[in-house]
Amino acid sequence: MDEYGFEKPNIGTALKNLGVSGWCVKGTPTTESEFRNSTRIFFSDGTETDEYAKFGVTWTQVKTELDRLTAIYDSELYKRQRSVEYPAYGTQLDYIYHNGIDKWKTDIVDPVKAKYPKP
């Protein structure tokens, strides 16, 4: 988790996105060799393997997917920053009820958007 409570992209997410249904990764591999030595795949029939050839995905595919997820994560920093600045939904709804949507937007939404603008 990052400082805003969101999960950072990881090897597990990349494997899941590539269709690998069961896996176990020890540590955080950063090279093909580390990936080969630290990953086990679990199949739906209950068997498992650490034989790299049976994984169904290559390190290049995993690394490419992880890089893609990381780029998205990095580009959305403003969203994570905003999420912790906004009051709870109940507080915002109460503010809207008592002050109206225009005042809510001016007093609550706009200052946070100005503090953390989209890139």
PDB file of N, CA and C in Angstrom:
ATOM      1  N   MET A   1       0.829  -1.184   0.000  1.00  0.00           N
ATOM      2  CA  MET A   1       0.000   0.000   0.000  1.00  0.00           C
ATOM      3  C   MET A   1       0.877   1.253   0.000  1.00  0.00           C
ATOM      4  N   ASP A   2       0.385   2.250  -0.714  1.00  0.00           N
ATOM      5  CA  ASP A   2       1.127   3.500  -0.702  1.00  0.00           C
ATOM      6  C   ASP A   2       0.644   4.378   0.454  1.00  0.00           C
ATOM      7  N   GLU A   3       1.170   5.576   0.548  1.00  0.00           N
ATOM      8  CA  GLU A   3       0.830   6.455   1.662  1.00  0.00           C
ATOM      9  C   GLU A   3      -0.624   6.903   1.651  1.00  0.00           C
ATOM     10  N   TYR A   4      -1.327   6.696   0.530  1.00  0.00           N
ATOM     11  CA  TYR A   4      -2.728   7.086   0.420  1.00  0.00           C
ATOM     12  C   TYR A   4      -3.670   5.900   0.582  1.00  0.00           C
ATOM     13  N   GLY A   5      -3.116   4.717   0.839  1.00  0.00           N
ATOM     14  CA  GLY A   5      -3.930   3.535   1.056  1.00  0.00           C
ATOM     15  C   GLY A   5      -4.262   2.747  -0.199  1.00  0.00           C
ATOM     16  N   PHE A   6      -3.592   3.034  -1.301  1.00  0.00           N
ATOM     17  CA  PHE A   6      -3.831   2.325  -2.548  1.00  0.00           C
ATOM     18  C   PHE A   6      -2.735   1.292  -2.779  1.00  0.00           C
ATOM     19  N   GLU A   7      -3.088   0.214  -3.441  1.00  0.00           N
ATOM     20  CA  GLU A   7      -2.121  -0.838  -3.728  1.00  0.00           C
ATOM     21  C   GLU A   7      -1.266  -0.440  -4.929  1.00  0.00           C
ATOM     22  N   LYS A   8       0.037  -0.572  -4.760  1.00  0.00           N
ATOM     23  CA  LYS A   8       0.957  -0.309  -5.862  1.00  0.00           C
ATOM     24  C   LYS A   8       0.943  -1.504  -6.821  1.00  0.00           C
ATOM     25  N   PRO A   9       1.192  -1.257  -8.099  1.00  0.00           N
ATOM     26  CA  PRO A   9       1.274  -2.382  -9.043  1.00  0.00           C
ATOM     27  C   PRO A   9       2.364  -3.354  -8.614  1.00  0.00           C
ATOM     28  N   ASN A  10       2.100  -4.652  -8.816  1.00  0.00           N
ATOM     29  CA  ASN A  10       3.080  -5.658  -8.431  1.00  0.00           C
ATOM     30  C   ASN A  10       3.045  -6.829  -9.404  1.00  0.00           C
ATOM     31  N   ILE A  11       3.983  -7.743  -9.227  1.00  0.00           N
ATOM     32  CA  ILE A  11       4.086  -8.912 -10.104  1.00  0.00           C
ATOM     33  C   ILE A  11       2.782  -9.709 -10.095  1.00  0.00           C
ATOM     34  N   GLY A  12       2.173  -9.851  -8.925  1.00  0.00           N
ATOM     35  CA  GLY A  12       0.935 -10.599  -8.817  1.00  0.00           C
ATOM     36  C   GLY A  12      -0.180 -10.017  -9.674  1.00  0.00           C
ATOM     37  N   THR A  13      -0.320  -8.704  -9.652  1.00  0.00           N
ATOM     38  CA  THR A  13      -1.344  -8.050 -10.472  1.00  0.00           C
ATOM     39  C   THR A  13      -1.042  -8.255 -11.950  1.00  0.00           C
ATOM     40  N   ALA A  14       0.217  -8.146 -12.315  1.00  0.00           N
ATOM     41  CA  ALA A  14       0.599  -8.357 -13.718  1.00  0.00           C
ATOM     42  C   ALA A  14       0.282  -9.790 -14.147  1.00  0.00           C
ATOM     43  N   LEU A  15       0.602 -10.773 -13.310  1.00  0.00           N
ATOM     44  CA  LEU A  15       0.302 -12.171 -13.636  1.00  0.00           C
ATOM     45  C   LEU A  15      -1.203 -12.386 -13.779  1.00  0.00           C
ATOM     46  N   LYS A  16      -1.966 -11.827 -12.869  1.00  0.00           N
ATOM     47  CA  LYS A  16      -3.427 -11.958 -12.930  1.00  0.00           C
ATOM     48  C   LYS A  16      -3.968 -11.355 -14.229  1.00  0.00           C
ATOM     49  N   ASN A  17      -3.480 -10.177 -14.587  1.00  0.00           N
ATOM     50  CA  ASN A  17      -3.921  -9.521 -15.820  1.00  0.00           C
ATOM     51  C   ASN A  17      -3.554 -10.326 -17.064  1.00  0.00           C
ATOM     52  N   LEU A  18      -2.495 -11.114 -16.960  1.00  0.00           N
ATOM     53  CA  LEU A  18      -2.069 -11.936 -18.090  1.00  0.00           C
ATOM     54  C   LEU A  18      -2.771 -13.293 -18.113  1.00  0.00           C
ATOM     55  N   GLY A  19      -3.687 -13.505 -17.180  1.00  0.00           N
ATOM     56  CA  GLY A  19      -4.489 -14.723 -17.197  1.00  0.00           C
ATOM     57  C   GLY A  19      -3.942 -15.878 -16.393  1.00  0.00           C
ATOM     58  N   VAL A  20      -2.916 -15.647 -15.596  1.00  0.00           N
ATOM     59  CA  VAL A  20      -2.383 -16.703 -14.743  1.00  0.00           C
ATOM     60  C   VAL A  20      -3.249 -16.735 -13.487  1.00  0.00           C
ATOM     61  N   SER A  21      -3.910 -17.864 -13.256  1.00  0.00           N
ATOM     62  CA  SER A  21      -4.920 -17.897 -12.210  1.00  0.00           C
ATOM     63  C   SER A  21      -4.384 -18.200 -10.814  1.00  0.00           C
ATOM     64  N   GLY A  22      -3.306 -18.900 -10.698  1.00  0.00           N
ATOM     65  CA  GLY A  22      -2.764 -19.205  -9.382  1.00  0.00           C
ATOM     66  C   GLY A  22      -1.258 -19.089  -9.395  1.00  0.00           C
ATOM     67  N   TRP A  23      -0.708 -18.364  -8.458  1.00  0.00           N
ATOM     68  CA  TRP A  23       0.731 -18.139  -8.458  1.00  0.00           C
ATOM     69  C   TRP A  23       1.206 -17.803  -7.060  1.00  0.00           C
ATOM     70  N   CYS A  24       2.481 -17.950  -6.869  1.00  0.00           N
ATOM     71  CA  CYS A  24       3.127 -17.548  -5.624  1.00  0.00           C
ATOM     72  C   CYS A  24       4.489 -16.976  -6.010  1.00  0.00           C
ATOM     73  N   VAL A  25       4.757 -15.774  -5.584  1.00  0.00           N
ATOM     74  CA  VAL A  25       6.032 -15.133  -5.889  1.00  0.00           C
ATOM     75  C   VAL A  25       6.713 -14.797  -4.575  1.00  0.00           C
ATOM     76  N   LYS A  26       7.960 -15.227  -4.435  1.00  0.00           N
ATOM     77  CA  LYS A  26       8.749 -14.879  -3.262  1.00  0.00           C
ATOM     78  C   LYS A  26       9.528 -13.619  -3.580  1.00  0.00           C
ATOM     79  N   GLY A  27       9.349 -12.604  -2.768  1.00  0.00           N
ATOM     80  CA  GLY A  27      10.073 -11.366  -2.981  1.00  0.00           C
ATOM     81  C   GLY A  27       9.511 -10.562  -4.135  1.00  0.00           C
ATOM     82  N   THR A  28      10.353  -9.704  -4.682  1.00  0.00           N
ATOM     83  CA  THR A  28       9.967  -8.848  -5.796  1.00  0.00           C
ATOM     84  C   THR A  28      10.998  -9.005  -6.901  1.00  0.00           C
ATOM     85  N   PRO A  29      10.767  -9.959  -7.795  1.00  0.00           N
ATOM     86  CA  PRO A  29      11.762 -10.170  -8.851  1.00  0.00           C
ATOM     87  C   PRO A  29      11.851  -8.965  -9.789  1.00  0.00           C
ATOM     88  N   THR A  30      13.082  -8.648 -10.179  1.00  0.00           N
ATOM     89  CA  THR A  30      13.295  -7.539 -11.105  1.00  0.00           C
ATOM     90  C   THR A  30      14.008  -7.986 -12.378  1.00  0.00           C
ATOM     91  N   THR A  31      14.386  -9.264 -12.427  1.00  0.00           N
ATOM     92  CA  THR A  31      15.042  -9.805 -13.614  1.00  0.00           C
ATOM     93  C   THR A  31      14.394 -11.144 -13.963  1.00  0.00           C
ATOM     94  N   GLU A  32      14.649 -11.616 -15.173  1.00  0.00           N
ATOM     95  CA  GLU A  32      14.107 -12.907 -15.587  1.00  0.00           C
ATOM     96  C   GLU A  32      14.609 -14.025 -14.683  1.00  0.00           C
ATOM     97  N   SER A  33      15.873 -13.979 -14.331  1.00  0.00           N
ATOM     98  CA  SER A  33      16.445 -15.000 -13.468  1.00  0.00           C
ATOM     99  C   SER A  33      15.749 -15.029 -12.106  1.00  0.00           C
ATOM    100  N   GLU A  34      15.552 -13.871 -11.507  1.00  0.00           N
ATOM    101  CA  GLU A  34      14.856 -13.799 -10.222  1.00  0.00           C
ATOM    102  C   GLU A  34      13.416 -14.298 -10.360  1.00  0.00           C
ATOM    103  N   PHE A  35      12.773 -13.945 -11.471  1.00  0.00           N
ATOM    104  CA  PHE A  35      11.405 -14.387 -11.715  1.00  0.00           C
ATOM    105  C   PHE A  35      11.346 -15.909 -11.808  1.00  0.00           C
ATOM    106  N   ARG A  36      12.274 -16.477 -12.548  1.00  0.00           N
ATOM    107  CA  ARG A  36      12.314 -17.942 -12.698  1.00  0.00           C
ATOM    108  C   ARG A  36      12.531 -18.642 -11.368  1.00  0.00           C
ATOM    109  N   ASN A  37      13.361 -18.058 -10.530  1.00  0.00           N
ATOM    110  CA  ASN A  37      13.730 -18.701  -9.268  1.00  0.00           C
ATOM    111  C   ASN A  37      12.753 -18.442  -8.122  1.00  0.00           C
ATOM    112  N   SER A  38      11.843 -17.495  -8.287  1.00  0.00           N
ATOM    113  CA  SER A  38      10.995 -17.134  -7.152  1.00  0.00           C
ATOM    114  C   SER A  38       9.510 -17.352  -7.382  1.00  0.00           C
ATOM    115  N   THR A  39       9.124 -17.881  -8.552  1.00  0.00           N
ATOM    116  CA  THR A  39       7.713 -17.984  -8.879  1.00  0.00           C
ATOM    117  C   THR A  39       7.267 -19.432  -9.021  1.00  0.00           C
ATOM    118  N   ARG A  40       6.111 -19.724  -8.431  1.00  0.00           N
ATOM    119  CA  ARG A  40       5.471 -21.026  -8.600  1.00  0.00           C
ATOM    120  C   ARG A  40       4.083 -20.766  -9.153  1.00  0.00           C
ATOM    121  N   ILE A  41       3.653 -21.619 -10.060  1.00  0.00           N
ATOM    122  CA  ILE A  41       2.331 -21.508 -10.648  1.00  0.00           C
ATOM    123  C   ILE A  41       1.489 -22.680 -10.150  1.00  0.00           C
ATOM    124  N   PHE A  42       0.251 -22.391  -9.748  1.00  0.00           N
ATOM    125  CA  PHE A  42      -0.687 -23.405  -9.289  1.00  0.00           C
ATOM    126  C   PHE A  42      -1.789 -23.536 -10.331  1.00  0.00           C
ATOM    127  N   PHE A  43      -2.029 -24.753 -10.780  1.00  0.00           N
ATOM    128  CA  PHE A  43      -3.019 -25.007 -11.821  1.00  0.00           C
ATOM    129  C   PHE A  43      -4.360 -25.402 -11.210  1.00  0.00           C
ATOM    130  N   SER A  44      -5.422 -25.262 -11.995  1.00  0.00           N
ATOM    131  CA  SER A  44      -6.765 -25.541 -11.505  1.00  0.00           C
ATOM    132  C   SER A  44      -6.952 -27.013 -11.107  1.00  0.00           C
ATOM    133  N   ASP A  45      -6.126 -27.903 -11.642  1.00  0.00           N
ATOM    134  CA  ASP A  45      -6.267 -29.323 -11.289  1.00  0.00           C
ATOM    135  C   ASP A  45      -5.538 -29.673  -9.979  1.00  0.00           C
ATOM    136  N   GLY A  46      -5.003 -28.657  -9.322  1.00  0.00           N
ATOM    137  CA  GLY A  46      -4.347 -28.881  -8.043  1.00  0.00           C
ATOM    138  C   GLY A  46      -2.845 -29.073  -8.122  1.00  0.00           C
ATOM    139  N   THR A  47      -2.305 -29.197  -9.313  1.00  0.00           N
ATOM    140  CA  THR A  47      -0.859 -29.367  -9.450  1.00  0.00           C
ATOM    141  C   THR A  47      -0.173 -28.008  -9.424  1.00  0.00           C
ATOM    142  N   GLU A  48       1.111 -28.039  -9.212  1.00  0.00           N
ATOM    143  CA  GLU A  48       1.893 -26.813  -9.210  1.00  0.00           C
ATOM    144  C   GLU A  48       3.240 -27.088  -9.853  1.00  0.00           C
ATOM    145  N   THR A  49       3.878 -26.017 -10.273  1.00  0.00           N
ATOM    146  CA  THR A  49       5.190 -26.176 -10.893  1.00  0.00           C
ATOM    147  C   THR A  49       6.027 -24.925 -10.686  1.00  0.00           C
ATOM    148  N   ASP A  50       7.310 -25.127 -10.725  1.00  0.00           N
ATOM    149  CA  ASP A  50       8.222 -23.996 -10.784  1.00  0.00           C
ATOM    150  C   ASP A  50       9.004 -24.061 -12.096  1.00  0.00           C
ATOM    151  N   GLU A  51       8.540 -24.918 -13.005  1.00  0.00           N
ATOM    152  CA  GLU A  51       9.181 -25.027 -14.318  1.00  0.00           C
ATOM    153  C   GLU A  51       8.751 -23.841 -15.166  1.00  0.00           C
ATOM    154  N   TYR A  52       9.685 -22.999 -15.438  1.00  0.00           N
ATOM    155  CA  TYR A  52       9.423 -21.749 -16.138  1.00  0.00           C
ATOM    156  C   TYR A  52       8.687 -21.966 -17.459  1.00  0.00           C
ATOM    157  N   ALA A  53       8.987 -23.009 -18.177  1.00  0.00           N
ATOM    158  CA  ALA A  53       8.372 -23.261 -19.478  1.00  0.00           C
ATOM    159  C   ALA A  53       6.871 -23.507 -19.368  1.00  0.00           C
ATOM    160  N   LYS A  54       6.380 -23.904 -18.199  1.00  0.00           N
ATOM    161  CA  LYS A  54       4.963 -24.204 -18.028  1.00  0.00           C
ATOM    162  C   LYS A  54       4.149 -23.018 -17.513  1.00  0.00           C
ATOM    163  N   PHE A  55       4.782 -21.894 -17.275  1.00  0.00           N
ATOM    164  CA  PHE A  55       4.070 -20.744 -16.715  1.00  0.00           C
ATOM    165  C   PHE A  55       3.007 -20.203 -17.666  1.00  0.00           C
ATOM    166  N   GLY A  56       3.239 -20.296 -18.949  1.00  0.00           N
ATOM    167  CA  GLY A  56       2.289 -19.754 -19.907  1.00  0.00           C
ATOM    168  C   GLY A  56       2.522 -18.288 -20.223  1.00  0.00           C
ATOM    169  N   VAL A  57       3.419 -17.651 -19.501  1.00  0.00           N
ATOM    170  CA  VAL A  57       3.798 -16.268 -19.773  1.00  0.00           C
ATOM    171  C   VAL A  57       5.316 -16.152 -19.646  1.00  0.00           C
ATOM    172  N   THR A  58       5.863 -15.202 -20.328  1.00  0.00           N
ATOM    173  CA  THR A  58       7.305 -14.969 -20.256  1.00  0.00           C
ATOM    174  C   THR A  58       7.589 -13.794 -19.335  1.00  0.00           C
ATOM    175  N   TRP A  59       8.829 -13.688 -18.903  1.00  0.00           N
ATOM    176  CA  TRP A  59       9.240 -12.554 -18.080  1.00  0.00           C
ATOM    177  C   TRP A  59       8.996 -11.253 -18.839  1.00  0.00           C
ATOM    178  N   THR A  60       9.261 -11.243 -20.127  1.00  0.00           N
ATOM    179  CA  THR A  60       9.051 -10.026 -20.935  1.00  0.00           C
ATOM    180  C   THR A  60       7.594  -9.594 -20.877  1.00  0.00           C
ATOM    181  N   GLN A  61       6.671 -10.538 -20.977  1.00  0.00           N
ATOM    182  CA  GLN A  61       5.245 -10.198 -20.888  1.00  0.00           C
ATOM    183  C   GLN A  61       4.897  -9.643 -19.501  1.00  0.00           C
ATOM    184  N   VAL A  62       5.420 -10.294 -18.483  1.00  0.00           N
ATOM    185  CA  VAL A  62       5.147  -9.860 -17.113  1.00  0.00           C
ATOM    186  C   VAL A  62       5.724  -8.465 -16.884  1.00  0.00           C
ATOM    187  N   LYS A  63       6.950  -8.263 -17.293  1.00  0.00           N
ATOM    188  CA  LYS A  63       7.606  -6.965 -17.103  1.00  0.00           C
ATOM    189  C   LYS A  63       6.892  -5.873 -17.892  1.00  0.00           C
ATOM    190  N   THR A  64       6.461  -6.170 -19.107  1.00  0.00           N
ATOM    191  CA  THR A  64       5.738  -5.190 -19.919  1.00  0.00           C
ATOM    192  C   THR A  64       4.426  -4.803 -19.248  1.00  0.00           C
ATOM    193  N   GLU A  65       3.706  -5.804 -18.743  1.00  0.00           N
ATOM    194  CA  GLU A  65       2.437  -5.522 -18.054  1.00  0.00           C
ATOM    195  C   GLU A  65       2.679  -4.746 -16.771  1.00  0.00           C
ATOM    196  N   LEU A  66       3.700  -5.104 -16.025  1.00  0.00           N
ATOM    197  CA  LEU A  66       4.022  -4.374 -14.798  1.00  0.00           C
ATOM    198  C   LEU A  66       4.401  -2.929 -15.116  1.00  0.00           C
ATOM    199  N   ASP A  67       5.186  -2.719 -16.155  1.00  0.00           N
ATOM    200  CA  ASP A  67       5.552  -1.360 -16.557  1.00  0.00           C
ATOM    201  C   ASP A  67       4.319  -0.555 -16.969  1.00  0.00           C
ATOM    202  N   ARG A  68       3.374  -1.205 -17.672  1.00  0.00           N
ATOM    203  CA  ARG A  68       2.140  -0.526 -18.087  1.00  0.00           C
ATOM    204  C   ARG A  68       1.323  -0.115 -16.858  1.00  0.00           C
ATOM    205  N   LEU A  69       1.174  -1.044 -15.915  1.00  0.00           N
ATOM    206  CA  LEU A  69       0.420  -0.751 -14.699  1.00  0.00           C
ATOM    207  C   LEU A  69       1.089   0.351 -13.870  1.00  0.00           C
ATOM    208  N   THR A  70       2.404   0.320 -13.812  1.00  0.00           N
ATOM    209  CA  THR A  70       3.148   1.329 -13.057  1.00  0.00           C
ATOM    210  C   THR A  70       2.998   2.710 -13.697  1.00  0.00           C
ATOM    211  N   ALA A  71       3.016   2.774 -15.017  1.00  0.00           N
ATOM    212  CA  ALA A  71       2.833   4.054 -15.715  1.00  0.00           C
ATOM    213  C   ALA A  71       1.453   4.636 -15.410  1.00  0.00           C
ATOM    214  N   ILE A  72       0.429   3.799 -15.407  1.00  0.00           N
ATOM    215  CA  ILE A  72      -0.923   4.263 -15.075  1.00  0.00           C
ATOM    216  C   ILE A  72      -0.968   4.739 -13.622  1.00  0.00           C
ATOM    217  N   TYR A  73      -0.406   3.937 -12.742  1.00  0.00           N
ATOM    218  CA  TYR A  73      -0.373   4.279 -11.315  1.00  0.00           C
ATOM    219  C   TYR A  73       0.324   5.631 -11.112  1.00  0.00           C
ATOM    220  N   ASP A  74       1.466   5.805 -11.739  1.00  0.00           N
ATOM    221  CA  ASP A  74       2.219   7.050 -11.582  1.00  0.00           C
ATOM    222  C   ASP A  74       1.454   8.246 -12.147  1.00  0.00           C
ATOM    223  N   SER A  75       0.756   8.042 -13.256  1.00  0.00           N
ATOM    224  CA  SER A  75       0.039   9.161 -13.886  1.00  0.00           C
ATOM    225  C   SER A  75      -1.211   9.555 -13.107  1.00  0.00           C
ATOM    226  N   GLU A  76      -1.647   8.713 -12.186  1.00  0.00           N
ATOM    227  CA  GLU A  76      -2.862   8.996 -11.428  1.00  0.00           C
ATOM    228  C   GLU A  76      -2.582   9.401  -9.979  1.00  0.00           C
ATOM    229  N   LEU A  77      -1.393   9.916  -9.723  1.00  0.00           N
ATOM    230  CA  LEU A  77      -1.051  10.371  -8.377  1.00  0.00           C
ATOM    231  C   LEU A  77      -2.055  11.402  -7.877  1.00  0.00           C
ATOM    232  N   TYR A  78      -2.464  12.313  -8.742  1.00  0.00           N
ATOM    233  CA  TYR A  78      -3.399  13.358  -8.329  1.00  0.00           C
ATOM    234  C   TYR A  78      -4.705  12.762  -7.787  1.00  0.00           C
ATOM    235  N   LYS A  79      -5.149  11.645  -8.344  1.00  0.00           N
ATOM    236  CA  LYS A  79      -6.377  11.003  -7.867  1.00  0.00           C
ATOM    237  C   LYS A  79      -6.203  10.491  -6.436  1.00  0.00           C
ATOM    238  N   ARG A  80      -5.050   9.896  -6.160  1.00  0.00           N
ATOM    239  CA  ARG A  80      -4.805   9.380  -4.814  1.00  0.00           C
ATOM    240  C   ARG A  80      -4.676  10.523  -3.824  1.00  0.00           C
ATOM    241  N   GLN A  81      -4.023  11.602  -4.229  1.00  0.00           N
ATOM    242  CA  GLN A  81      -3.878  12.756  -3.349  1.00  0.00           C
ATOM    243  C   GLN A  81      -5.237  13.380  -3.047  1.00  0.00           C
ATOM    244  N   ARG A  82      -6.061  13.509  -4.070  1.00  0.00           N
ATOM    245  CA  ARG A  82      -7.393  14.086  -3.874  1.00  0.00           C
ATOM    246  C   ARG A  82      -8.241  13.223  -2.954  1.00  0.00           C
ATOM    247  N   SER A  83      -8.136  11.914  -3.095  1.00  0.00           N
ATOM    248  CA  SER A  83      -9.022  11.014  -2.353  1.00  0.00           C
ATOM    249  C   SER A  83      -8.906  11.191  -0.842  1.00  0.00           C
ATOM    250  N   VAL A  84      -7.725  11.522  -0.356  1.00  0.00           N
ATOM    251  CA  VAL A  84      -7.566  11.695   1.087  1.00  0.00           C
ATOM    252  C   VAL A  84      -7.903  13.112   1.541  1.00  0.00           C
ATOM    253  N   GLU A  85      -8.012  14.043   0.613  1.00  0.00           N
ATOM    254  CA  GLU A  85      -8.335  15.422   0.950  1.00  0.00           C
ATOM    255  C   GLU A  85      -9.843  15.660   1.061  1.00  0.00           C
ATOM    256  N   TYR A  86     -10.612  14.960   0.243  1.00  0.00           N
ATOM    257  CA  TYR A  86     -12.060  15.166   0.284  1.00  0.00           C
ATOM    258  C   TYR A  86     -12.632  14.645   1.594  1.00  0.00           C
ATOM    259  N   PRO A  87     -13.626  15.341   2.134  1.00  0.00           N
ATOM    260  CA  PRO A  87     -14.297  14.823   3.336  1.00  0.00           C
ATOM    261  C   PRO A  87     -15.055  13.536   3.017  1.00  0.00           C
ATOM    262  N   ALA A  88     -15.489  12.833   4.038  1.00  0.00           N
ATOM    263  CA  ALA A  88     -16.288  11.617   3.859  1.00  0.00           C
ATOM    264  C   ALA A  88     -17.563  11.952   3.094  1.00  0.00           C
ATOM    265  N   TYR A  89     -18.104  10.950   2.405  1.00  0.00           N
ATOM    266  CA  TYR A  89     -19.310  11.172   1.594  1.00  0.00           C
ATOM    267  C   TYR A  89     -20.461  11.743   2.411  1.00  0.00           C
ATOM    268  N   GLY A  90     -20.667  11.212   3.599  1.00  0.00           N
ATOM    269  CA  GLY A  90     -21.761  11.708   4.438  1.00  0.00           C
ATOM    270  C   GLY A  90     -21.610  13.186   4.747  1.00  0.00           C
ATOM    271  N   THR A  91     -20.396  13.605   5.032  1.00  0.00           N
ATOM    272  CA  THR A  91     -20.124  15.013   5.309  1.00  0.00           C
ATOM    273  C   THR A  91     -20.410  15.861   4.077  1.00  0.00           C
ATOM    274  N   GLN A  92     -20.007  15.357   2.913  1.00  0.00           N
ATOM    275  CA  GLN A  92     -20.255  16.110   1.683  1.00  0.00           C
ATOM    276  C   GLN A  92     -21.744  16.200   1.369  1.00  0.00           C
ATOM    277  N   LEU A  93     -22.461  15.106   1.559  1.00  0.00           N
ATOM    278  CA  LEU A  93     -23.909  15.128   1.303  1.00  0.00           C
ATOM    279  C   LEU A  93     -24.628  16.081   2.263  1.00  0.00           C
ATOM    280  N   ASP A  94     -24.193  16.086   3.500  1.00  0.00           N
ATOM    281  CA  ASP A  94     -24.771  17.018   4.470  1.00  0.00           C
ATOM    282  C   ASP A  94     -24.493  18.461   4.045  1.00  0.00           C
ATOM    283  N   TYR A  95     -23.283  18.713   3.572  1.00  0.00           N
ATOM    284  CA  TYR A  95     -22.918  20.056   3.110  1.00  0.00           C
ATOM    285  C   TYR A  95     -23.799  20.462   1.928  1.00  0.00           C
ATOM    286  N   ILE A  96     -24.006  19.544   1.004  1.00  0.00           N
ATOM    287  CA  ILE A  96     -24.865  19.823  -0.150  1.00  0.00           C
ATOM    288  C   ILE A  96     -26.291  20.112   0.317  1.00  0.00           C
ATOM    289  N   TYR A  97     -26.791  19.325   1.249  1.00  0.00           N
ATOM    290  CA  TYR A  97     -28.153  19.503   1.750  1.00  0.00           C
ATOM    291  C   TYR A  97     -28.332  20.896   2.356  1.00  0.00           C
ATOM    292  N   HIS A  98     -27.359  21.326   3.140  1.00  0.00           N
ATOM    293  CA  HIS A  98     -27.480  22.610   3.836  1.00  0.00           C
ATOM    294  C   HIS A  98     -27.053  23.816   3.004  1.00  0.00           C
ATOM    295  N   ASN A  99     -26.171  23.611   2.026  1.00  0.00           N
ATOM    296  CA  ASN A  99     -25.595  24.751   1.300  1.00  0.00           C
ATOM    297  C   ASN A  99     -25.818  24.730  -0.200  1.00  0.00           C
ATOM    298  N   GLY A 100     -26.227  23.620  -0.754  1.00  0.00           N
ATOM    299  CA  GLY A 100     -26.448  23.522  -2.193  1.00  0.00           C
ATOM    300  C   GLY A 100     -25.214  23.008  -2.930  1.00  0.00           C
ATOM    301  N   ILE A 101     -25.470  22.521  -4.129  1.00  0.00           N
ATOM    302  CA  ILE A 101     -24.399  21.916  -4.933  1.00  0.00           C
ATOM    303  C   ILE A 101     -23.366  22.947  -5.366  1.00  0.00           C
ATOM    304  N   ASP A 102     -23.804  24.123  -5.750  1.00  0.00           N
ATOM    305  CA  ASP A 102     -22.843  25.136  -6.217  1.00  0.00           C
ATOM    306  C   ASP A 102     -21.857  25.517  -5.118  1.00  0.00           C
ATOM    307  N   LYS A 103     -22.349  25.714  -3.908  1.00  0.00           N
ATOM    308  CA  LYS A 103     -21.463  26.068  -2.793  1.00  0.00           C
ATOM    309  C   LYS A 103     -20.549  24.890  -2.444  1.00  0.00           C
ATOM    310  N   TRP A 104     -21.072  23.655  -2.499  1.00  0.00           N
ATOM    311  CA  TRP A 104     -20.263  22.463  -2.261  1.00  0.00           C
ATOM    312  C   TRP A 104     -19.108  22.404  -3.259  1.00  0.00           C
ATOM    313  N   LYS A 105     -19.424  22.632  -4.521  1.00  0.00           N
ATOM    314  CA  LYS A 105     -18.386  22.583  -5.557  1.00  0.00           C
ATOM    315  C   LYS A 105     -17.344  23.669  -5.303  1.00  0.00           C
ATOM    316  N   THR A 106     -17.812  24.872  -4.990  1.00  0.00           N
ATOM    317  CA  THR A 106     -16.897  25.995  -4.762  1.00  0.00           C
ATOM    318  C   THR A 106     -16.060  25.812  -3.496  1.00  0.00           C
ATOM    319  N   ASP A 107     -16.684  25.360  -2.424  1.00  0.00           N
ATOM    320  CA  ASP A 107     -16.001  25.300  -1.132  1.00  0.00           C
ATOM    321  C   ASP A 107     -15.215  24.009  -0.900  1.00  0.00           C
ATOM    322  N   ILE A 108     -15.674  22.895  -1.470  1.00  0.00           N
ATOM    323  CA  ILE A 108     -15.046  21.607  -1.174  1.00  0.00           C
ATOM    324  C   ILE A 108     -14.300  21.023  -2.372  1.00  0.00           C
ATOM    325  N   VAL A 109     -14.948  20.947  -3.504  1.00  0.00           N
ATOM    326  CA  VAL A 109     -14.351  20.266  -4.657  1.00  0.00           C
ATOM    327  C   VAL A 109     -13.259  21.101  -5.317  1.00  0.00           C
ATOM    328  N   ASP A 110     -13.571  22.338  -5.663  1.00  0.00           N
ATOM    329  CA  ASP A 110     -12.617  23.168  -6.402  1.00  0.00           C
ATOM    330  C   ASP A 110     -11.276  23.382  -5.688  1.00  0.00           C
ATOM    331  N   PRO A 111     -11.265  23.635  -4.363  1.00  0.00           N
ATOM    332  CA  PRO A 111      -9.952  23.799  -3.701  1.00  0.00           C
ATOM    333  C   PRO A 111      -9.070  22.562  -3.779  1.00  0.00           C
ATOM    334  N   VAL A 112      -9.675  21.389  -3.671  1.00  0.00           N
ATOM    335  CA  VAL A 112      -8.886  20.151  -3.748  1.00  0.00           C
ATOM    336  C   VAL A 112      -8.375  19.945  -5.165  1.00  0.00           C
ATOM    337  N   LYS A 113      -9.221  20.201  -6.156  1.00  0.00           N
ATOM    338  CA  LYS A 113      -8.785  20.073  -7.551  1.00  0.00           C
ATOM    339  C   LYS A 113      -7.689  21.079  -7.875  1.00  0.00           C
ATOM    340  N   ALA A 114      -7.762  22.273  -7.297  1.00  0.00           N
ATOM    341  CA  ALA A 114      -6.719  23.281  -7.543  1.00  0.00           C
ATOM    342  C   ALA A 114      -5.404  22.874  -6.876  1.00  0.00           C
ATOM    343  N   LYS A 115      -5.509  22.258  -5.697  1.00  0.00           N
ATOM    344  CA  LYS A 115      -4.306  21.828  -4.969  1.00  0.00           C
ATOM    345  C   LYS A 115      -3.608  20.666  -5.675  1.00  0.00           C
ATOM    346  N   TYR A 116      -4.417  19.757  -6.271  1.00  0.00           N
ATOM    347  CA  TYR A 116      -3.880  18.587  -6.956  1.00  0.00           C
ATOM    348  C   TYR A 116      -4.457  18.519  -8.379  1.00  0.00           C
ATOM    349  N   PRO A 117      -3.957  19.348  -9.279  1.00  0.00           N
ATOM    350  CA  PRO A 117      -4.503  19.368 -10.632  1.00  0.00           C
ATOM    351  C   PRO A 117      -4.112  18.127 -11.446  1.00  0.00           C
ATOM    352  N   LYS A 118      -4.932  17.856 -12.456  1.00  0.00           N
ATOM    353  CA  LYS A 118      -4.570  16.783 -13.397  1.00  0.00           C
ATOM    354  C   LYS A 118      -3.311  17.207 -14.126  1.00  0.00           C
ATOM    355  N   PRO A 119      -2.445  16.233 -14.437  1.00  0.00           N
ATOM    356  CA  PRO A 119      -1.219  16.613 -15.166  1.00  0.00           C
ATOM    357  C   PRO A 119      -1.524  17.070 -16.582  1.00  0.00           C
TER     358      PRO A 119
END
